[in-house]
Amino acid sequence: MAIEIQQGKKGNPLIWMIIIIVILIIGVWFVKNFLRPEEILQKPKMEDVLPSSASQQLIKANLNINSILNNQIFQTLASHITWPLVSPALGRQNPFQSF
């Protein structure tokens, strides 16, 4: 009696590539539609907050930082805080030490 050996079927790599691409497309679509943050409040436009003449002037404003920093009045201002701010010590140095 003869023993017949059957070869296993090999999967078509093109079908696997198509399946992977379809899964990736569905995953990207899901993330894009369901996991994005929802914008509850819309950002107001500058024209909605300010009158149109003021908003146009604000858009066209040219701020020269050097002229502000070199101004005599600005240089006479006194600082009332120290920078960087000192943070208070919280807790114990060694939290595992007994009281």
PDB file of N, CA and C in Angstrom:
ATOM      1  N   MET A   1       0.848  -1.147   0.000  1.00  0.00           N
ATOM      2  CA  MET A   1       0.000   0.000   0.000  1.00  0.00           C
ATOM      3  C   MET A   1       0.910   1.232   0.000  1.00  0.00           C
ATOM      4  N   ALA A   2       0.539   2.192  -0.813  1.00  0.00           N
ATOM      5  CA  ALA A   2       1.341   3.405  -0.952  1.00  0.00           C
ATOM      6  C   ALA A   2       0.819   4.496  -0.013  1.00  0.00           C
ATOM      7  N   ILE A   3       1.742   5.238   0.534  1.00  0.00           N
ATOM      8  CA  ILE A   3       1.369   6.360   1.403  1.00  0.00           C
ATOM      9  C   ILE A   3       1.466   7.627   0.572  1.00  0.00           C
ATOM     10  N   GLU A   4       0.366   8.350   0.541  1.00  0.00           N
ATOM     11  CA  GLU A   4       0.339   9.566  -0.251  1.00  0.00           C
ATOM     12  C   GLU A   4       0.619  10.757   0.670  1.00  0.00           C
ATOM     13  N   ILE A   5       1.604  11.555   0.335  1.00  0.00           N
ATOM     14  CA  ILE A   5       1.974  12.728   1.128  1.00  0.00           C
ATOM     15  C   ILE A   5       1.438  13.951   0.403  1.00  0.00           C
ATOM     16  N   GLN A   6       0.574  14.672   1.086  1.00  0.00           N
ATOM     17  CA  GLN A   6       0.005  15.885   0.487  1.00  0.00           C
ATOM     18  C   GLN A   6       0.798  17.098   0.968  1.00  0.00           C
ATOM     19  N   GLN A   7       1.044  17.980   0.038  1.00  0.00           N
ATOM     20  CA  GLN A   7       1.743  19.212   0.407  1.00  0.00           C
ATOM     21  C   GLN A   7       0.737  20.193   1.000  1.00  0.00           C
ATOM     22  N   GLY A   8       1.180  20.915   2.011  1.00  0.00           N
ATOM     23  CA  GLY A   8       0.309  21.923   2.629  1.00  0.00           C
ATOM     24  C   GLY A   8       0.083  23.093   1.678  1.00  0.00           C
ATOM     25  N   LYS A   9      -1.091  23.675   1.784  1.00  0.00           N
ATOM     26  CA  LYS A   9      -1.392  24.814   0.934  1.00  0.00           C
ATOM     27  C   LYS A   9      -0.643  26.036   1.460  1.00  0.00           C
ATOM     28  N   LYS A  10      -0.048  26.763   0.556  1.00  0.00           N
ATOM     29  CA  LYS A  10       0.637  27.986   0.918  1.00  0.00           C
ATOM     30  C   LYS A  10      -0.324  29.149   0.713  1.00  0.00           C
ATOM     31  N   GLY A  11      -0.347  30.059   1.685  1.00  0.00           N
ATOM     32  CA  GLY A  11      -1.198  31.237   1.565  1.00  0.00           C
ATOM     33  C   GLY A  11      -0.630  32.186   0.514  1.00  0.00           C
ATOM     34  N   ASN A  12      -1.512  32.833  -0.186  1.00  0.00           N
ATOM     35  CA  ASN A  12      -1.098  33.791  -1.191  1.00  0.00           C
ATOM     36  C   ASN A  12      -0.669  35.084  -0.487  1.00  0.00           C
ATOM     37  N   PRO A  13       0.584  35.528  -0.667  1.00  0.00           N
ATOM     38  CA  PRO A  13       1.042  36.735   0.036  1.00  0.00           C
ATOM     39  C   PRO A  13       0.279  37.993  -0.408  1.00  0.00           C
ATOM     40  N   LEU A  14      -0.247  38.018  -1.600  1.00  0.00           N
ATOM     41  CA  LEU A  14      -1.002  39.172  -2.073  1.00  0.00           C
ATOM     42  C   LEU A  14      -2.290  39.335  -1.262  1.00  0.00           C
ATOM     43  N   ILE A  15      -2.940  38.229  -0.940  1.00  0.00           N
ATOM     44  CA  ILE A  15      -4.167  38.288  -0.146  1.00  0.00           C
ATOM     45  C   ILE A  15      -3.852  38.796   1.255  1.00  0.00           C
ATOM     46  N   TRP A  16      -2.750  38.327   1.858  1.00  0.00           N
ATOM     47  CA  TRP A  16      -2.366  38.792   3.180  1.00  0.00           C
ATOM     48  C   TRP A  16      -2.032  40.286   3.171  1.00  0.00           C
ATOM     49  N   MET A  17      -1.374  40.749   2.129  1.00  0.00           N
ATOM     50  CA  MET A  17      -1.054  42.180   2.029  1.00  0.00           C
ATOM     51  C   MET A  17      -2.331  43.010   1.933  1.00  0.00           C
ATOM     52  N   ILE A  18      -3.299  42.547   1.159  1.00  0.00           N
ATOM     53  CA  ILE A  18      -4.565  43.270   1.010  1.00  0.00           C
ATOM     54  C   ILE A  18      -5.311  43.291   2.334  1.00  0.00           C
ATOM     55  N   ILE A  19      -5.317  42.178   3.057  1.00  0.00           N
ATOM     56  CA  ILE A  19      -5.996  42.121   4.356  1.00  0.00           C
ATOM     57  C   ILE A  19      -5.340  43.088   5.339  1.00  0.00           C
ATOM     58  N   ILE A  20      -4.027  43.141   5.383  1.00  0.00           N
ATOM     59  CA  ILE A  20      -3.320  44.041   6.291  1.00  0.00           C
ATOM     60  C   ILE A  20      -3.607  45.491   5.931  1.00  0.00           C
ATOM     61  N   ILE A  21      -3.609  45.824   4.647  1.00  0.00           N
ATOM     62  CA  ILE A  21      -3.890  47.194   4.221  1.00  0.00           C
ATOM     63  C   ILE A  21      -5.313  47.595   4.590  1.00  0.00           C
ATOM     64  N   VAL A  22      -6.275  46.695   4.406  1.00  0.00           N
ATOM     65  CA  VAL A  22      -7.665  47.000   4.759  1.00  0.00           C
ATOM     66  C   VAL A  22      -7.791  47.221   6.259  1.00  0.00           C
ATOM     67  N   ILE A  23      -7.118  46.402   7.065  1.00  0.00           N
ATOM     68  CA  ILE A  23      -7.165  46.565   8.519  1.00  0.00           C
ATOM     69  C   ILE A  23      -6.545  47.907   8.919  1.00  0.00           C
ATOM     70  N   LEU A  24      -5.442  48.292   8.304  1.00  0.00           N
ATOM     71  CA  LEU A  24      -4.819  49.578   8.601  1.00  0.00           C
ATOM     72  C   LEU A  24      -5.730  50.743   8.219  1.00  0.00           C
ATOM     73  N   ILE A  25      -6.386  50.661   7.077  1.00  0.00           N
ATOM     74  CA  ILE A  25      -7.297  51.723   6.648  1.00  0.00           C
ATOM     75  C   ILE A  25      -8.455  51.847   7.624  1.00  0.00           C
ATOM     76  N   ILE A  26      -9.025  50.732   8.052  1.00  0.00           N
ATOM     77  CA  ILE A  26     -10.129  50.764   9.013  1.00  0.00           C
ATOM     78  C   ILE A  26      -9.644  51.333  10.346  1.00  0.00           C
ATOM     79  N   GLY A  27      -8.447  50.968  10.795  1.00  0.00           N
ATOM     80  CA  GLY A  27      -7.897  51.498  12.046  1.00  0.00           C
ATOM     81  C   GLY A  27      -7.676  53.002  11.976  1.00  0.00           C
ATOM     82  N   VAL A  28      -7.125  53.495  10.886  1.00  0.00           N
ATOM     83  CA  VAL A  28      -6.906  54.938  10.735  1.00  0.00           C
ATOM     84  C   VAL A  28      -8.236  55.669  10.708  1.00  0.00           C
ATOM     85  N   TRP A  29      -9.224  55.129  10.016  1.00  0.00           N
ATOM     86  CA  TRP A  29     -10.550  55.747   9.953  1.00  0.00           C
ATOM     87  C   TRP A  29     -11.177  55.797  11.344  1.00  0.00           C
ATOM     88  N   PHE A  30     -11.044  54.720  12.108  1.00  0.00           N
ATOM     89  CA  PHE A  30     -11.601  54.668  13.455  1.00  0.00           C
ATOM     90  C   PHE A  30     -10.959  55.719  14.357  1.00  0.00           C
ATOM     91  N   VAL A  31      -9.625  55.811  14.323  1.00  0.00           N
ATOM     92  CA  VAL A  31      -8.919  56.782  15.151  1.00  0.00           C
ATOM     93  C   VAL A  31      -9.303  58.198  14.746  1.00  0.00           C
ATOM     94  N   LYS A  32      -9.396  58.442  13.450  1.00  0.00           N
ATOM     95  CA  LYS A  32      -9.709  59.779  12.960  1.00  0.00           C
ATOM     96  C   LYS A  32     -11.119  60.199  13.364  1.00  0.00           C
ATOM     97  N   ASN A  33     -12.072  59.309  13.323  1.00  0.00           N
ATOM     98  CA  ASN A  33     -13.463  59.677  13.566  1.00  0.00           C
ATOM     99  C   ASN A  33     -13.895  59.573  15.023  1.00  0.00           C
ATOM    100  N   PHE A  34     -13.329  58.675  15.784  1.00  0.00           N
ATOM    101  CA  PHE A  34     -13.852  58.431  17.121  1.00  0.00           C
ATOM    102  C   PHE A  34     -12.911  58.823  18.250  1.00  0.00           C
ATOM    103  N   LEU A  35     -11.628  58.892  18.024  1.00  0.00           N
ATOM    104  CA  LEU A  35     -10.693  59.157  19.112  1.00  0.00           C
ATOM    105  C   LEU A  35     -10.109  60.562  19.078  1.00  0.00           C
ATOM    106  N   ARG A  36     -10.560  61.420  18.187  1.00  0.00           N
ATOM    107  CA  ARG A  36     -10.048  62.787  18.161  1.00  0.00           C
ATOM    108  C   ARG A  36     -10.763  63.608  19.230  1.00  0.00           C
ATOM    109  N   PRO A  37     -10.083  64.609  19.775  1.00  0.00           N
ATOM    110  CA  PRO A  37     -10.730  65.440  20.791  1.00  0.00           C
ATOM    111  C   PRO A  37     -11.843  66.280  20.175  1.00  0.00           C
ATOM    112  N   GLU A  38     -12.927  66.376  20.891  1.00  0.00           N
ATOM    113  CA  GLU A  38     -14.075  67.136  20.415  1.00  0.00           C
ATOM    114  C   GLU A  38     -13.904  68.593  20.793  1.00  0.00           C
ATOM    115  N   GLU A  39     -14.118  69.482  19.857  1.00  0.00           N
ATOM    116  CA  GLU A  39     -13.993  70.908  20.106  1.00  0.00           C
ATOM    117  C   GLU A  39     -15.349  71.426  20.586  1.00  0.00           C
ATOM    118  N   ILE A  40     -15.441  71.681  21.886  1.00  0.00           N
ATOM    119  CA  ILE A  40     -16.708  72.106  22.468  1.00  0.00           C
ATOM    120  C   ILE A  40     -16.960  73.578  22.174  1.00  0.00           C
ATOM    121  N   LEU A  41     -15.962  74.409  22.451  1.00  0.00           N
ATOM    122  CA  LEU A  41     -16.087  75.835  22.184  1.00  0.00           C
ATOM    123  C   LEU A  41     -15.228  76.192  20.991  1.00  0.00           C
ATOM    124  N   GLN A  42     -15.809  76.905  20.063  1.00  0.00           N
ATOM    125  CA  GLN A  42     -15.043  77.326  18.903  1.00  0.00           C
ATOM    126  C   GLN A  42     -14.199  78.537  19.260  1.00  0.00           C
ATOM    127  N   LYS A  43     -13.017  78.628  18.690  1.00  0.00           N
ATOM    128  CA  LYS A  43     -12.136  79.753  18.950  1.00  0.00           C
ATOM    129  C   LYS A  43     -12.712  80.990  18.257  1.00  0.00           C
ATOM    130  N   PRO A  44     -12.874  82.075  19.010  1.00  0.00           N
ATOM    131  CA  PRO A  44     -13.437  83.271  18.382  1.00  0.00           C
ATOM    132  C   PRO A  44     -12.424  83.935  17.462  1.00  0.00           C
ATOM    133  N   LYS A  45     -12.933  84.557  16.437  1.00  0.00           N
ATOM    134  CA  LYS A  45     -12.071  85.323  15.541  1.00  0.00           C
ATOM    135  C   LYS A  45     -11.803  86.675  16.186  1.00  0.00           C
ATOM    136  N   MET A  46     -10.721  87.311  15.773  1.00  0.00           N
ATOM    137  CA  MET A  46     -10.365  88.594  16.343  1.00  0.00           C
ATOM    138  C   MET A  46     -11.441  89.644  16.034  1.00  0.00           C
ATOM    139  N   GLU A  47     -12.081  89.529  14.886  1.00  0.00           N
ATOM    140  CA  GLU A  47     -13.109  90.492  14.511  1.00  0.00           C
ATOM    141  C   GLU A  47     -14.340  90.370  15.403  1.00  0.00           C
ATOM    142  N   ASP A  48     -14.588  89.181  15.958  1.00  0.00           N
ATOM    143  CA  ASP A  48     -15.734  88.994  16.844  1.00  0.00           C
ATOM    144  C   ASP A  48     -15.498  89.616  18.220  1.00  0.00           C
ATOM    145  N   VAL A  49     -14.238  89.667  18.655  1.00  0.00           N
ATOM    146  CA  VAL A  49     -13.922  90.173  19.986  1.00  0.00           C
ATOM    147  C   VAL A  49     -13.735  91.688  19.967  1.00  0.00           C
ATOM    148  N   LEU A  50     -13.014  92.178  18.967  1.00  0.00           N
ATOM    149  CA  LEU A  50     -12.720  93.605  18.879  1.00  0.00           C
ATOM    150  C   LEU A  50     -13.477  94.231  17.720  1.00  0.00           C
ATOM    151  N   PRO A  51     -13.713  95.521  17.774  1.00  0.00           N
ATOM    152  CA  PRO A  51     -14.283  96.181  16.598  1.00  0.00           C
ATOM    153  C   PRO A  51     -13.326  96.065  15.416  1.00  0.00           C
ATOM    154  N   SER A  52     -13.833  96.187  14.226  1.00  0.00           N
ATOM    155  CA  SER A  52     -13.020  95.927  13.037  1.00  0.00           C
ATOM    156  C   SER A  52     -11.844  96.884  12.922  1.00  0.00           C
ATOM    157  N   SER A  53     -12.004  98.134  13.303  1.00  0.00           N
ATOM    158  CA  SER A  53     -10.887  99.078  13.190  1.00  0.00           C
ATOM    159  C   SER A  53      -9.778  98.727  14.172  1.00  0.00           C
ATOM    160  N   ALA A  54     -10.146  98.341  15.393  1.00  0.00           N
ATOM    161  CA  ALA A  54      -9.141  97.989  16.398  1.00  0.00           C
ATOM    162  C   ALA A  54      -8.432  96.693  16.025  1.00  0.00           C
ATOM    163  N   SER A  55      -9.169  95.742  15.473  1.00  0.00           N
ATOM    164  CA  SER A  55      -8.530  94.479  15.118  1.00  0.00           C
ATOM    165  C   SER A  55      -7.546  94.662  13.976  1.00  0.00           C
ATOM    166  N   GLN A  56      -7.856  95.525  13.040  1.00  0.00           N
ATOM    167  CA  GLN A  56      -6.930  95.779  11.941  1.00  0.00           C
ATOM    168  C   GLN A  56      -5.678  96.481  12.446  1.00  0.00           C
ATOM    169  N   GLN A  57      -5.832  97.399  13.390  1.00  0.00           N
ATOM    170  CA  GLN A  57      -4.662  98.069  13.957  1.00  0.00           C
ATOM    171  C   GLN A  57      -3.808  97.091  14.755  1.00  0.00           C
ATOM    172  N   LEU A  58      -4.441  96.167  15.445  1.00  0.00           N
ATOM    173  CA  LEU A  58      -3.704  95.188  16.231  1.00  0.00           C
ATOM    174  C   LEU A  58      -2.942  94.221  15.329  1.00  0.00           C
ATOM    175  N   ILE A  59      -3.536  93.855  14.215  1.00  0.00           N
ATOM    176  CA  ILE A  59      -2.858  92.955  13.279  1.00  0.00           C
ATOM    177  C   ILE A  59      -1.641  93.639  12.675  1.00  0.00           C
ATOM    178  N   LYS A  60      -1.753  94.923  12.374  1.00  0.00           N
ATOM    179  CA  LYS A  60      -0.667  95.662  11.729  1.00  0.00           C
ATOM    180  C   LYS A  60       0.345  96.215  12.719  1.00  0.00           C
ATOM    181  N   ALA A  61       0.155  96.006  14.014  1.00  0.00           N
ATOM    182  CA  ALA A  61       1.042  96.581  15.031  1.00  0.00           C
ATOM    183  C   ALA A  61       2.446  96.022  14.896  1.00  0.00           C
ATOM    184  N   ASN A  62       3.407  96.913  15.020  1.00  0.00           N
ATOM    185  CA  ASN A  62       4.811  96.525  14.957  1.00  0.00           C
ATOM    186  C   ASN A  62       5.431  96.836  16.314  1.00  0.00           C
ATOM    187  N   LEU A  63       5.778  95.828  17.060  1.00  0.00           N
ATOM    188  CA  LEU A  63       6.296  95.994  18.408  1.00  0.00           C
ATOM    189  C   LEU A  63       7.811  95.914  18.371  1.00  0.00           C
ATOM    190  N   ASN A  64       8.458  97.004  18.802  1.00  0.00           N
ATOM    191  CA  ASN A  64       9.915  97.061  18.830  1.00  0.00           C
ATOM    192  C   ASN A  64      10.369  96.826  20.266  1.00  0.00           C
ATOM    193  N   ILE A  65      10.849  95.648  20.554  1.00  0.00           N
ATOM    194  CA  ILE A  65      11.224  95.254  21.913  1.00  0.00           C
ATOM    195  C   ILE A  65      12.415  96.072  22.415  1.00  0.00           C
ATOM    196  N   ASN A  66      13.378  96.357  21.541  1.00  0.00           N
ATOM    197  CA  ASN A  66      14.569  97.096  21.979  1.00  0.00           C
ATOM    198  C   ASN A  66      14.227  98.495  22.447  1.00  0.00           C
ATOM    199  N   SER A  67      13.293  99.155  21.785  1.00  0.00           N
ATOM    200  CA  SER A  67      12.925 100.504  22.220  1.00  0.00           C
ATOM    201  C   SER A  67      12.231 100.463  23.579  1.00  0.00           C
ATOM    202  N   ILE A  68      11.506  99.397  23.876  1.00  0.00           N
ATOM    203  CA  ILE A  68      10.854  99.269  25.182  1.00  0.00           C
ATOM    204  C   ILE A  68      11.892  98.994  26.263  1.00  0.00           C
ATOM    205  N   LEU A  69      12.808  98.067  26.008  1.00  0.00           N
ATOM    206  CA  LEU A  69      13.814  97.725  27.017  1.00  0.00           C
ATOM    207  C   LEU A  69      14.783  98.865  27.282  1.00  0.00           C
ATOM    208  N   ASN A  70      15.049  99.713  26.295  1.00  0.00           N
ATOM    209  CA  ASN A  70      15.978 100.827  26.464  1.00  0.00           C
ATOM    210  C   ASN A  70      15.286 102.096  26.940  1.00  0.00           C
ATOM    211  N   ASN A  71      13.995 102.059  27.154  1.00  0.00           N
ATOM    212  CA  ASN A  71      13.256 103.223  27.611  1.00  0.00           C
ATOM    213  C   ASN A  71      13.668 103.548  29.057  1.00  0.00           C
ATOM    214  N   GLN A  72      13.845 104.870  29.351  1.00  0.00           N
ATOM    215  CA  GLN A  72      14.299 105.274  30.684  1.00  0.00           C
ATOM    216  C   GLN A  72      13.259 104.947  31.752  1.00  0.00           C
ATOM    217  N   ILE A  73      11.993 105.102  31.448  1.00  0.00           N
ATOM    218  CA  ILE A  73      10.945 104.816  32.429  1.00  0.00           C
ATOM    219  C   ILE A  73      10.919 103.326  32.752  1.00  0.00           C
ATOM    220  N   PHE A  74      11.090 102.485  31.726  1.00  0.00           N
ATOM    221  CA  PHE A  74      11.098 101.041  31.958  1.00  0.00           C
ATOM    222  C   PHE A  74      12.293 100.626  32.800  1.00  0.00           C
ATOM    223  N   GLN A  75      13.425 101.256  32.583  1.00  0.00           N
ATOM    224  CA  GLN A  75      14.631 100.892  33.326  1.00  0.00           C
ATOM    225  C   GLN A  75      14.575 101.348  34.780  1.00  0.00           C
ATOM    226  N   THR A  76      13.746 102.362  35.096  1.00  0.00           N
ATOM    227  CA  THR A  76      13.651 102.817  36.485  1.00  0.00           C
ATOM    228  C   THR A  76      12.683 101.961  37.298  1.00  0.00           C
ATOM    229  N   LEU A  77      11.932 101.084  36.679  1.00  0.00           N
ATOM    230  CA  LEU A  77      10.994 100.235  37.417  1.00  0.00           C
ATOM    231  C   LEU A  77      11.762  99.267  38.309  1.00  0.00           C
ATOM    232  N   ALA A  78      11.251  99.056  39.507  1.00  0.00           N
ATOM    233  CA  ALA A  78      11.903  98.171  40.469  1.00  0.00           C
ATOM    234  C   ALA A  78      11.182  96.825  40.504  1.00  0.00           C
ATOM    235  N   SER A  79      11.936  95.769  40.623  1.00  0.00           N
ATOM    236  CA  SER A  79      11.366  94.442  40.723  1.00  0.00           C
ATOM    237  C   SER A  79      10.971  94.162  42.166  1.00  0.00           C
ATOM    238  N   HIS A  80       9.790  93.606  42.370  1.00  0.00           N
ATOM    239  CA  HIS A  80       9.314  93.319  43.718  1.00  0.00           C
ATOM    240  C   HIS A  80       9.305  91.829  44.031  1.00  0.00           C
ATOM    241  N   ILE A  81       9.810  91.021  43.122  1.00  0.00           N
ATOM    242  CA  ILE A  81       9.892  89.584  43.358  1.00  0.00           C
ATOM    243  C   ILE A  81      11.283  89.102  42.983  1.00  0.00           C
ATOM    244  N   THR A  82      11.644  87.947  43.499  1.00  0.00           N
ATOM    245  CA  THR A  82      12.894  87.315  43.087  1.00  0.00           C
ATOM    246  C   THR A  82      12.555  86.232  42.070  1.00  0.00           C
ATOM    247  N   TRP A  83      13.387  86.102  41.084  1.00  0.00           N
ATOM    248  CA  TRP A  83      13.141  85.110  40.037  1.00  0.00           C
ATOM    249  C   TRP A  83      14.356  84.242  39.911  1.00  0.00           C
ATOM    250  N   PRO A  84      14.244  82.966  39.837  1.00  0.00           N
ATOM    251  CA  PRO A  84      13.040  82.147  39.852  1.00  0.00           C
ATOM    252  C   PRO A  84      12.458  82.064  41.252  1.00  0.00           C
ATOM    253  N   LEU A  85      11.182  81.815  41.320  1.00  0.00           N
ATOM    254  CA  LEU A  85      10.503  81.744  42.603  1.00  0.00           C
ATOM    255  C   LEU A  85      11.023  80.562  43.414  1.00  0.00           C
ATOM    256  N   VAL A  86      11.156  80.774  44.724  1.00  0.00           N
ATOM    257  CA  VAL A  86      11.661  79.733  45.609  1.00  0.00           C
ATOM    258  C   VAL A  86      10.483  78.851  46.016  1.00  0.00           C
ATOM    259  N   SER A  87      10.616  77.568  45.784  1.00  0.00           N
ATOM    260  CA  SER A  87       9.540  76.653  46.168  1.00  0.00           C
ATOM    261  C   SER A  87       9.780  76.169  47.592  1.00  0.00           C
ATOM    262  N   PRO A  88       8.728  76.112  48.395  1.00  0.00           N
ATOM    263  CA  PRO A  88       8.905  75.658  49.784  1.00  0.00           C
ATOM    264  C   PRO A  88       9.208  74.162  49.832  1.00  0.00           C
ATOM    265  N   ALA A  89       9.941  73.753  50.851  1.00  0.00           N
ATOM    266  CA  ALA A  89      10.271  72.341  51.022  1.00  0.00           C
ATOM    267  C   ALA A  89       9.029  71.600  51.511  1.00  0.00           C
ATOM    268  N   LEU A  90       8.630  70.598  50.807  1.00  0.00           N
ATOM    269  CA  LEU A  90       7.454  69.809  51.170  1.00  0.00           C
ATOM    270  C   LEU A  90       7.893  68.406  51.574  1.00  0.00           C
ATOM    271  N   GLY A  91       7.270  67.869  52.589  1.00  0.00           N
ATOM    272  CA  GLY A  91       7.561  66.502  52.996  1.00  0.00           C
ATOM    273  C   GLY A  91       8.865  66.380  53.747  1.00  0.00           C
ATOM    274  N   ARG A  92       9.324  65.146  53.914  1.00  0.00           N
ATOM    275  CA  ARG A  92      10.558  64.873  54.635  1.00  0.00           C
ATOM    276  C   ARG A  92      11.644  64.516  53.629  1.00  0.00           C
ATOM    277  N   GLN A  93      12.875  64.666  54.050  1.00  0.00           N
ATOM    278  CA  GLN A  93      13.992  64.311  53.176  1.00  0.00           C
ATOM    279  C   GLN A  93      13.976  62.816  52.865  1.00  0.00           C
ATOM    280  N   ASN A  94      13.721  61.992  53.899  1.00  0.00           N
ATOM    281  CA  ASN A  94      13.680  60.559  53.727  1.00  0.00           C
ATOM    282  C   ASN A  94      12.288  60.092  54.143  1.00  0.00           C
ATOM    283  N   PRO A  95      11.397  59.748  53.216  1.00  0.00           N
ATOM    284  CA  PRO A  95      10.047  59.373  53.587  1.00  0.00           C
ATOM    285  C   PRO A  95       9.972  58.022  54.293  1.00  0.00           C
ATOM    286  N   PHE A  96      11.030  57.213  54.249  1.00  0.00           N
ATOM    287  CA  PHE A  96      11.009  55.901  54.873  1.00  0.00           C
ATOM    288  C   PHE A  96      11.552  55.926  56.305  1.00  0.00           C
ATOM    289  N   GLN A  97      12.056  57.065  56.733  1.00  0.00           N
ATOM    290  CA  GLN A  97      12.600  57.184  58.081  1.00  0.00           C
ATOM    291  C   GLN A  97      11.442  57.267  59.073  1.00  0.00           C
ATOM    292  N   SER A  98      11.614  56.612  60.195  1.00  0.00           N
ATOM    293  CA  SER A  98      10.543  56.634  61.211  1.00  0.00           C
ATOM    294  C   SER A  98      10.510  57.984  61.902  1.00  0.00           C
ATOM    295  N   PHE A  99       9.357  58.297  62.525  1.00  0.00           N
ATOM    296  CA  PHE A  99       9.184  59.601  63.181  1.00  0.00           C
ATOM    297  C   PHE A  99       9.962  59.682  64.439  1.00  0.00           C
TER     298      PHE A  99
END
